[in-house]
Structures are given as C-alpha cells and as structure tokens.
Amino acid sequence: MRQKYNGPSDWEDTALTELSQVSEPSARQVRRQAPKRRKISLMKIGILCCLAFCCLQFGKQFIQYQQIQAEVAYFEQVKQGKLDKQKELEETKALLDDPSYIERVAREHLGFVYEGETLVLPGETVDDDIPEYNPNIKAGDLH
C-alpha cells in the first residue's frame, strides 16, 4: 500500500526528525568518545616512540659491537705477526749462539783460518760466487 502524500510540511517534519536522530549524537556521546580517541591515539604514539627509541639504541649498540669486533680481529692479527717475528728472532739468536755457525761465518765472510792452515783465494771472483750472510741456515746444516 502506498501512503498518501499530505504535503511538504508533513514530509519535511518526518525527514528532519529522522535525520536529527541519526546524524547528531547526544552531548554525552561526544564527551565520552572524544577522550577515548585521544587516549588511544596518544597511547599508540607513545608506544611507537618507545619502540623507535629502543630500535635506535639497539642499532647504536650493534654498530659499536661490530666496530669492537673488527678492532679485536685487527689486534689478533697484529699479535700473531709479533709472535711470528719473536719466534724467528729466537731461532736466529739460537743459531748465533752455535759455535759451528760462528766458525763458518768467520771463515766464509771474514777470511779467518786456524793456525797451520793456508788461505787460498781464487784468482777471479764473480759477485754471484761470494757467499752471503744467510740467517736461514739451520744448526743441523753445519758441519
């Protein structure tokens, strides 16, 4: 069934009352909803700020940790190089304390001879034939 149209005044009144009920919330609803929205948004912003701060602090500490690890690795390499050099110097020192090595160096480089021995020098020398001081000679190589 169709309703009968009574004129503009009757229709406007019903539409306005329906619209006013739907579109305008009461003053209590407005007061109650506004603070909740603000608290929720402020709480979200606060949580996000705390998370961002924690991430930044973690990132800084992670970068510092990586730098320290790189320094430790560098100094470990330096330490190993120094230990290798120390071992090499100790071997050279042990070789220099060996009397047979000292005798060999004295005979070859300085031309020393024992009493009763005759030093024989070659007529011509070539630079390649002159023995050089060699710290890599081991004590077992000596006679």
N, C-alpha and C. Protein backbone atom coordinates (compact mmCIF):
# COMPACT_ATOMS: atom_id res chain seq x y z
N MET A 1 0.82 -1.17 0.00
CA MET A 1 0.00 0.00 0.00
C MET A 1 0.86 1.23 0.00
N ARG A 2 0.33 2.13 -0.64
CA ARG A 2 1.00 3.41 -0.73
C ARG A 2 0.44 4.36 0.30
N GLN A 3 1.40 5.20 0.79
CA GLN A 3 0.94 6.23 1.74
C GLN A 3 0.51 7.44 0.96
N LYS A 4 -0.32 8.08 1.53
CA LYS A 4 -0.87 9.26 0.89
C LYS A 4 0.01 10.44 1.20
N TYR A 5 0.33 11.25 0.20
CA TYR A 5 1.15 12.43 0.36
C TYR A 5 0.29 13.56 0.85
N ASN A 6 0.62 14.12 2.00
CA ASN A 6 -0.20 15.15 2.60
C ASN A 6 0.34 16.53 2.36
N GLY A 7 1.50 16.65 1.77
CA GLY A 7 2.05 17.98 1.52
C GLY A 7 3.47 18.07 2.03
N PRO A 8 4.11 19.17 1.71
CA PRO A 8 5.52 19.30 2.06
C PRO A 8 5.76 19.42 3.55
N SER A 9 4.87 19.97 4.28
CA SER A 9 5.13 20.18 5.69
C SER A 9 5.18 18.86 6.46
N ASP A 10 4.30 17.94 6.14
CA ASP A 10 4.27 16.67 6.82
C ASP A 10 5.53 15.84 6.50
N TRP A 11 5.90 15.85 5.27
CA TRP A 11 7.08 15.09 4.82
C TRP A 11 8.38 15.66 5.40
N GLU A 12 8.52 16.98 5.42
CA GLU A 12 9.71 17.63 5.96
C GLU A 12 9.86 17.36 7.45
N ASP A 13 8.80 17.36 8.17
CA ASP A 13 8.88 17.13 9.61
C ASP A 13 9.41 15.72 9.92
N THR A 14 8.89 14.75 9.22
CA THR A 14 9.34 13.39 9.50
C THR A 14 10.81 13.19 9.07
N ALA A 15 11.18 13.76 7.96
CA ALA A 15 12.57 13.61 7.48
C ALA A 15 13.52 14.31 8.43
N LEU A 16 13.18 15.48 8.90
CA LEU A 16 14.05 16.22 9.80
C LEU A 16 14.20 15.51 11.13
N THR A 17 13.15 14.94 11.63
CA THR A 17 13.27 14.24 12.90
C THR A 17 14.12 12.97 12.75
N GLU A 18 13.96 12.30 11.62
CA GLU A 18 14.78 11.11 11.40
C GLU A 18 16.26 11.48 11.23
N LEU A 19 16.53 12.55 10.50
CA LEU A 19 17.91 12.99 10.29
C LEU A 19 18.53 13.49 11.58
N SER A 20 17.77 14.19 12.35
CA SER A 20 18.33 14.72 13.58
C SER A 20 18.67 13.58 14.55
N GLN A 21 17.90 12.53 14.52
CA GLN A 21 18.19 11.40 15.40
C GLN A 21 19.44 10.64 14.93
N VAL A 22 19.62 10.52 13.64
CA VAL A 22 20.71 9.73 13.10
C VAL A 22 22.02 10.52 13.08
N SER A 23 22.01 11.75 12.62
CA SER A 23 23.24 12.48 12.36
C SER A 23 23.81 13.18 13.59
N GLU A 24 23.04 13.59 14.53
CA GLU A 24 23.55 14.33 15.67
C GLU A 24 23.59 13.45 16.92
N PRO A 25 24.82 13.12 17.38
CA PRO A 25 24.91 12.35 18.62
C PRO A 25 24.63 13.26 19.81
N SER A 26 24.29 12.66 20.86
CA SER A 26 23.99 13.46 22.04
C SER A 26 25.29 14.01 22.62
N ALA A 27 25.18 14.98 23.50
CA ALA A 27 26.34 15.62 24.11
C ALA A 27 27.13 14.62 24.95
N ARG A 28 26.48 13.68 25.60
CA ARG A 28 27.17 12.68 26.39
C ARG A 28 28.03 11.77 25.51
N GLN A 29 27.47 11.39 24.36
CA GLN A 29 28.23 10.54 23.46
C GLN A 29 29.49 11.25 22.94
N VAL A 30 29.36 12.53 22.65
CA VAL A 30 30.51 13.29 22.15
C VAL A 30 31.56 13.40 23.23
N ARG A 31 31.20 13.69 24.43
CA ARG A 31 32.16 13.82 25.53
C ARG A 31 32.84 12.48 25.84
N ARG A 32 32.11 11.42 25.79
CA ARG A 32 32.69 10.12 26.11
C ARG A 32 33.62 9.62 25.00
N GLN A 33 33.29 9.82 23.75
CA GLN A 33 34.08 9.30 22.66
C GLN A 33 35.36 10.10 22.41
N ALA A 34 35.32 11.38 22.55
CA ALA A 34 36.49 12.21 22.23
C ALA A 34 37.69 11.89 23.11
N PRO A 35 37.57 11.81 24.42
CA PRO A 35 38.76 11.47 25.22
C PRO A 35 39.29 10.07 24.93
N LYS A 36 38.41 9.10 24.66
CA LYS A 36 38.88 7.76 24.35
C LYS A 36 39.73 7.77 23.08
N ARG A 37 39.30 8.47 22.07
CA ARG A 37 40.07 8.52 20.84
C ARG A 37 41.42 9.18 21.09
N ARG A 38 41.44 10.23 21.86
CA ARG A 38 42.70 10.90 22.15
C ARG A 38 43.63 10.00 22.97
N LYS A 39 43.10 9.32 23.95
CA LYS A 39 43.92 8.44 24.77
C LYS A 39 44.48 7.29 23.94
N ILE A 40 43.66 6.73 23.09
CA ILE A 40 44.13 5.63 22.26
C ILE A 40 45.20 6.12 21.30
N SER A 41 44.99 7.25 20.67
CA SER A 41 45.98 7.74 19.72
C SER A 41 47.25 8.19 20.46
N LEU A 42 47.11 8.81 21.63
CA LEU A 42 48.29 9.18 22.39
C LEU A 42 49.03 7.95 22.89
N MET A 43 48.29 6.93 23.25
CA MET A 43 48.92 5.70 23.70
C MET A 43 49.67 5.03 22.54
N LYS A 44 49.07 5.03 21.37
CA LYS A 44 49.74 4.45 20.20
C LYS A 44 51.01 5.23 19.85
N ILE A 45 50.91 6.54 19.90
CA ILE A 45 52.08 7.38 19.62
C ILE A 45 53.17 7.12 20.65
N GLY A 46 52.79 7.01 21.90
CA GLY A 46 53.77 6.73 22.96
C GLY A 46 54.45 5.38 22.77
N ILE A 47 53.67 4.38 22.42
CA ILE A 47 54.24 3.05 22.18
C ILE A 47 55.18 3.09 20.98
N LEU A 48 54.76 3.74 19.92
CA LEU A 48 55.62 3.85 18.73
C LEU A 48 56.92 4.60 19.04
N CYS A 49 56.82 5.65 19.85
CA CYS A 49 58.02 6.39 20.23
C CYS A 49 58.96 5.51 21.06
N CYS A 50 58.39 4.75 21.97
CA CYS A 50 59.22 3.84 22.79
C CYS A 50 59.89 2.78 21.92
N LEU A 51 59.16 2.22 20.97
CA LEU A 51 59.73 1.22 20.08
C LEU A 51 60.84 1.82 19.21
N ALA A 52 60.59 3.03 18.70
CA ALA A 52 61.61 3.69 17.88
C ALA A 52 62.86 3.97 18.71
N PHE A 53 62.67 4.42 19.93
CA PHE A 53 63.82 4.69 20.80
C PHE A 53 64.61 3.41 21.08
N CYS A 54 63.90 2.32 21.37
CA CYS A 54 64.57 1.04 21.63
C CYS A 54 65.33 0.56 20.39
N CYS A 55 64.72 0.70 19.23
CA CYS A 55 65.39 0.29 17.98
C CYS A 55 66.65 1.12 17.74
N LEU A 56 66.58 2.41 17.98
CA LEU A 56 67.75 3.27 17.80
C LEU A 56 68.86 2.87 18.77
N GLN A 57 68.51 2.63 20.01
CA GLN A 57 69.52 2.24 20.99
C GLN A 57 70.13 0.89 20.62
N PHE A 58 69.31 -0.04 20.20
CA PHE A 58 69.82 -1.35 19.79
C PHE A 58 70.73 -1.21 18.58
N GLY A 59 70.34 -0.37 17.63
CA GLY A 59 71.16 -0.16 16.44
C GLY A 59 72.52 0.43 16.79
N LYS A 60 72.54 1.41 17.69
CA LYS A 60 73.81 2.01 18.11
C LYS A 60 74.71 0.98 18.78
N GLN A 61 74.13 0.19 19.65
CA GLN A 61 74.92 -0.82 20.35
C GLN A 61 75.42 -1.89 19.37
N PHE A 62 74.62 -2.25 18.40
CA PHE A 62 75.03 -3.23 17.41
C PHE A 62 76.20 -2.70 16.58
N ILE A 63 76.15 -1.44 16.19
CA ILE A 63 77.24 -0.83 15.42
C ILE A 63 78.51 -0.79 16.28
N GLN A 64 78.39 -0.41 17.54
CA GLN A 64 79.55 -0.39 18.42
C GLN A 64 80.12 -1.80 18.59
N TYR A 65 79.27 -2.78 18.70
CA TYR A 65 79.72 -4.17 18.84
C TYR A 65 80.50 -4.60 17.60
N GLN A 66 80.00 -4.25 16.41
CA GLN A 66 80.69 -4.61 15.17
C GLN A 66 82.05 -3.93 15.09
N GLN A 67 82.13 -2.66 15.50
CA GLN A 67 83.41 -1.95 15.49
C GLN A 67 84.40 -2.59 16.45
N ILE A 68 83.95 -2.95 17.62
CA ILE A 68 84.83 -3.59 18.60
C ILE A 68 85.31 -4.94 18.08
N GLN A 69 84.42 -5.71 17.45
CA GLN A 69 84.82 -6.99 16.89
C GLN A 69 85.88 -6.81 15.79
N ALA A 70 85.74 -5.76 14.97
CA ALA A 70 86.73 -5.50 13.93
C ALA A 70 88.07 -5.14 14.56
N GLU A 71 88.06 -4.34 15.62
CA GLU A 71 89.30 -3.97 16.30
C GLU A 71 89.96 -5.20 16.93
N VAL A 72 89.17 -6.06 17.53
CA VAL A 72 89.71 -7.28 18.15
C VAL A 72 90.37 -8.15 17.08
N ALA A 73 89.73 -8.30 15.93
CA ALA A 73 90.30 -9.11 14.86
C ALA A 73 91.61 -8.50 14.36
N TYR A 74 91.64 -7.17 14.23
CA TYR A 74 92.86 -6.50 13.78
C TYR A 74 94.00 -6.72 14.78
N PHE A 75 93.71 -6.54 16.06
CA PHE A 75 94.76 -6.70 17.06
C PHE A 75 95.20 -8.16 17.22
N GLU A 76 94.30 -9.09 16.95
CA GLU A 76 94.69 -10.50 16.95
C GLU A 76 95.69 -10.78 15.82
N GLN A 77 95.46 -10.17 14.65
CA GLN A 77 96.40 -10.33 13.55
C GLN A 77 97.75 -9.70 13.89
N VAL A 78 97.72 -8.52 14.49
CA VAL A 78 98.97 -7.86 14.89
C VAL A 78 99.71 -8.73 15.90
N LYS A 79 98.98 -9.26 16.86
CA LYS A 79 99.59 -10.11 17.88
C LYS A 79 100.23 -11.34 17.24
N GLN A 80 99.53 -11.97 16.31
CA GLN A 80 100.07 -13.16 15.66
C GLN A 80 101.33 -12.81 14.86
N GLY A 81 101.33 -11.66 14.20
CA GLY A 81 102.53 -11.22 13.47
C GLY A 81 103.70 -11.00 14.41
N LYS A 82 103.44 -10.40 15.55
CA LYS A 82 104.51 -10.17 16.53
C LYS A 82 105.03 -11.48 17.10
N LEU A 83 104.15 -12.44 17.35
CA LEU A 83 104.58 -13.73 17.85
C LEU A 83 105.44 -14.48 16.83
N ASP A 84 105.05 -14.37 15.55
CA ASP A 84 105.86 -15.00 14.50
C ASP A 84 107.24 -14.36 14.42
N LYS A 85 107.28 -13.03 14.51
CA LYS A 85 108.57 -12.32 14.47
C LYS A 85 109.43 -12.70 15.68
N GLN A 86 108.82 -12.83 16.85
CA GLN A 86 109.54 -13.23 18.05
C GLN A 86 110.14 -14.63 17.89
N LYS A 87 109.36 -15.54 17.33
CA LYS A 87 109.85 -16.90 17.12
C LYS A 87 111.03 -16.90 16.15
N GLU A 88 110.92 -16.11 15.10
CA GLU A 88 112.01 -16.01 14.12
C GLU A 88 113.27 -15.45 14.76
N LEU A 89 113.12 -14.43 15.59
CA LEU A 89 114.28 -13.83 16.26
C LEU A 89 114.91 -14.80 17.26
N GLU A 90 114.08 -15.58 17.95
CA GLU A 90 114.62 -16.57 18.87
C GLU A 90 115.41 -17.65 18.14
N GLU A 91 114.92 -18.06 16.97
CA GLU A 91 115.66 -19.03 16.17
C GLU A 91 116.99 -18.46 15.69
N THR A 92 116.98 -17.19 15.28
CA THR A 92 118.22 -16.53 14.85
C THR A 92 119.19 -16.42 16.01
N LYS A 93 118.68 -16.09 17.19
CA LYS A 93 119.53 -15.99 18.37
C LYS A 93 120.15 -17.34 18.71
N ALA A 94 119.36 -18.40 18.63
CA ALA A 94 119.88 -19.74 18.90
C ALA A 94 120.95 -20.12 17.87
N LEU A 95 120.76 -19.72 16.62
CA LEU A 95 121.74 -20.01 15.58
C LEU A 95 123.03 -19.23 15.82
N LEU A 96 122.91 -17.99 16.26
CA LEU A 96 124.10 -17.17 16.52
C LEU A 96 124.87 -17.64 17.75
N ASP A 97 124.21 -18.36 18.63
CA ASP A 97 124.90 -18.91 19.80
C ASP A 97 125.62 -20.22 19.48
N ASP A 98 125.40 -20.78 18.31
CA ASP A 98 126.02 -22.06 17.92
C ASP A 98 127.46 -21.81 17.47
N PRO A 99 128.44 -22.43 18.09
CA PRO A 99 129.85 -22.20 17.74
C PRO A 99 130.18 -22.61 16.30
N SER A 100 129.59 -23.65 15.78
CA SER A 100 129.89 -24.08 14.41
C SER A 100 129.40 -23.05 13.38
N TYR A 101 128.28 -22.40 13.66
CA TYR A 101 127.79 -21.36 12.75
C TYR A 101 128.72 -20.15 12.78
N ILE A 102 129.15 -19.78 13.97
CA ILE A 102 130.07 -18.64 14.10
C ILE A 102 131.37 -18.94 13.36
N GLU A 103 131.87 -20.16 13.48
CA GLU A 103 133.10 -20.55 12.78
C GLU A 103 132.89 -20.45 11.26
N ARG A 104 131.79 -20.95 10.79
CA ARG A 104 131.51 -20.91 9.35
C ARG A 104 131.45 -19.49 8.83
N VAL A 105 130.75 -18.60 9.55
CA VAL A 105 130.66 -17.19 9.14
C VAL A 105 132.04 -16.56 9.16
N ALA A 106 132.85 -16.84 10.19
CA ALA A 106 134.19 -16.27 10.29
C ALA A 106 135.06 -16.74 9.13
N ARG A 107 134.96 -17.98 8.74
CA ARG A 107 135.78 -18.49 7.64
C ARG A 107 135.32 -17.93 6.30
N GLU A 108 133.99 -17.94 6.04
CA GLU A 108 133.49 -17.55 4.72
C GLU A 108 133.51 -16.04 4.51
N HIS A 109 133.11 -15.28 5.47
CA HIS A 109 132.95 -13.84 5.26
C HIS A 109 134.16 -13.02 5.73
N LEU A 110 134.79 -13.48 6.77
CA LEU A 110 135.89 -12.69 7.32
C LEU A 110 137.27 -13.23 6.92
N GLY A 111 137.33 -14.43 6.36
CA GLY A 111 138.59 -15.00 5.90
C GLY A 111 139.48 -15.51 7.01
N PHE A 112 138.94 -15.85 8.14
CA PHE A 112 139.74 -16.39 9.25
C PHE A 112 140.17 -17.83 8.94
N VAL A 113 141.35 -18.20 9.46
CA VAL A 113 141.86 -19.56 9.31
C VAL A 113 142.48 -19.98 10.62
N TYR A 114 142.58 -21.30 10.83
CA TYR A 114 143.27 -21.82 12.01
C TYR A 114 144.78 -21.77 11.76
N GLU A 115 145.55 -21.91 12.86
CA GLU A 115 147.00 -21.96 12.73
C GLU A 115 147.39 -23.19 11.91
N GLY A 116 148.28 -22.99 11.00
CA GLY A 116 148.74 -24.08 10.17
C GLY A 116 147.93 -24.22 8.89
N GLU A 117 146.83 -23.57 8.76
CA GLU A 117 146.03 -23.62 7.53
C GLU A 117 146.48 -22.50 6.62
N THR A 118 146.35 -22.72 5.35
CA THR A 118 146.69 -21.71 4.35
C THR A 118 145.41 -21.25 3.67
N LEU A 119 145.27 -19.96 3.57
CA LEU A 119 144.10 -19.38 2.93
C LEU A 119 144.35 -19.34 1.44
N VAL A 120 143.49 -19.93 0.70
CA VAL A 120 143.63 -19.95 -0.76
C VAL A 120 142.52 -19.07 -1.30
N LEU A 121 142.92 -18.05 -2.05
CA LEU A 121 141.95 -17.15 -2.67
C LEU A 121 141.91 -17.43 -4.16
N PRO A 122 140.74 -17.46 -4.75
CA PRO A 122 140.66 -17.67 -6.19
C PRO A 122 141.18 -16.45 -6.93
N GLY A 123 141.64 -16.67 -8.15
CA GLY A 123 142.20 -15.57 -8.94
C GLY A 123 141.15 -14.54 -9.32
N GLU A 124 140.04 -15.00 -9.80
CA GLU A 124 138.96 -14.09 -10.18
C GLU A 124 137.72 -14.44 -9.39
N THR A 125 136.99 -13.42 -9.02
CA THR A 125 135.75 -13.67 -8.29
C THR A 125 134.60 -13.02 -9.05
N VAL A 126 133.54 -13.67 -9.05
CA VAL A 126 132.32 -13.14 -9.62
C VAL A 126 131.38 -12.89 -8.44
N ASP A 127 130.65 -11.81 -8.54
CA ASP A 127 129.79 -11.42 -7.41
C ASP A 127 128.81 -12.53 -7.01
N ASP A 128 128.40 -13.35 -7.96
CA ASP A 128 127.45 -14.42 -7.63
C ASP A 128 128.10 -15.52 -6.81
N ASP A 129 129.43 -15.65 -6.91
CA ASP A 129 130.11 -16.71 -6.19
C ASP A 129 130.40 -16.38 -4.74
N ILE A 130 130.30 -15.12 -4.36
CA ILE A 130 130.60 -14.73 -3.00
C ILE A 130 129.44 -15.13 -2.10
N PRO A 131 129.72 -15.94 -1.11
CA PRO A 131 128.61 -16.33 -0.23
C PRO A 131 128.18 -15.15 0.63
N GLU A 132 126.92 -15.08 0.85
CA GLU A 132 126.34 -14.00 1.65
C GLU A 132 125.98 -14.54 3.03
N TYR A 133 125.84 -13.62 3.93
CA TYR A 133 125.37 -13.98 5.27
C TYR A 133 123.95 -14.48 5.13
N ASN A 134 123.68 -15.66 5.61
CA ASN A 134 122.36 -16.26 5.45
C ASN A 134 121.84 -16.68 6.82
N PRO A 135 120.87 -15.94 7.38
CA PRO A 135 120.34 -16.29 8.70
C PRO A 135 119.40 -17.49 8.62
N ASN A 136 119.04 -17.97 7.42
CA ASN A 136 118.12 -19.07 7.30
C ASN A 136 118.80 -20.44 7.42
N ILE A 137 120.10 -20.45 7.63
CA ILE A 137 120.83 -21.71 7.76
C ILE A 137 120.50 -22.28 9.15
N LYS A 138 120.14 -23.54 9.16
CA LYS A 138 119.79 -24.23 10.41
C LYS A 138 121.04 -24.81 11.04
N ALA A 139 121.00 -25.07 12.34
CA ALA A 139 122.15 -25.61 13.06
C ALA A 139 122.50 -27.01 12.55
N GLY A 140 121.52 -27.77 12.06
CA GLY A 140 121.77 -29.11 11.55
C GLY A 140 122.50 -29.09 10.22
N ASP A 141 122.49 -27.97 9.48
CA ASP A 141 123.16 -27.86 8.20
C ASP A 141 124.66 -27.67 8.35
N LEU A 142 125.10 -27.36 9.55
CA LEU A 142 126.51 -27.05 9.77
C LEU A 142 127.30 -28.34 9.99
N HIS A 143 128.64 -28.30 9.73
CA HIS A 143 129.48 -29.48 9.95
C HIS A 143 130.44 -29.28 11.07
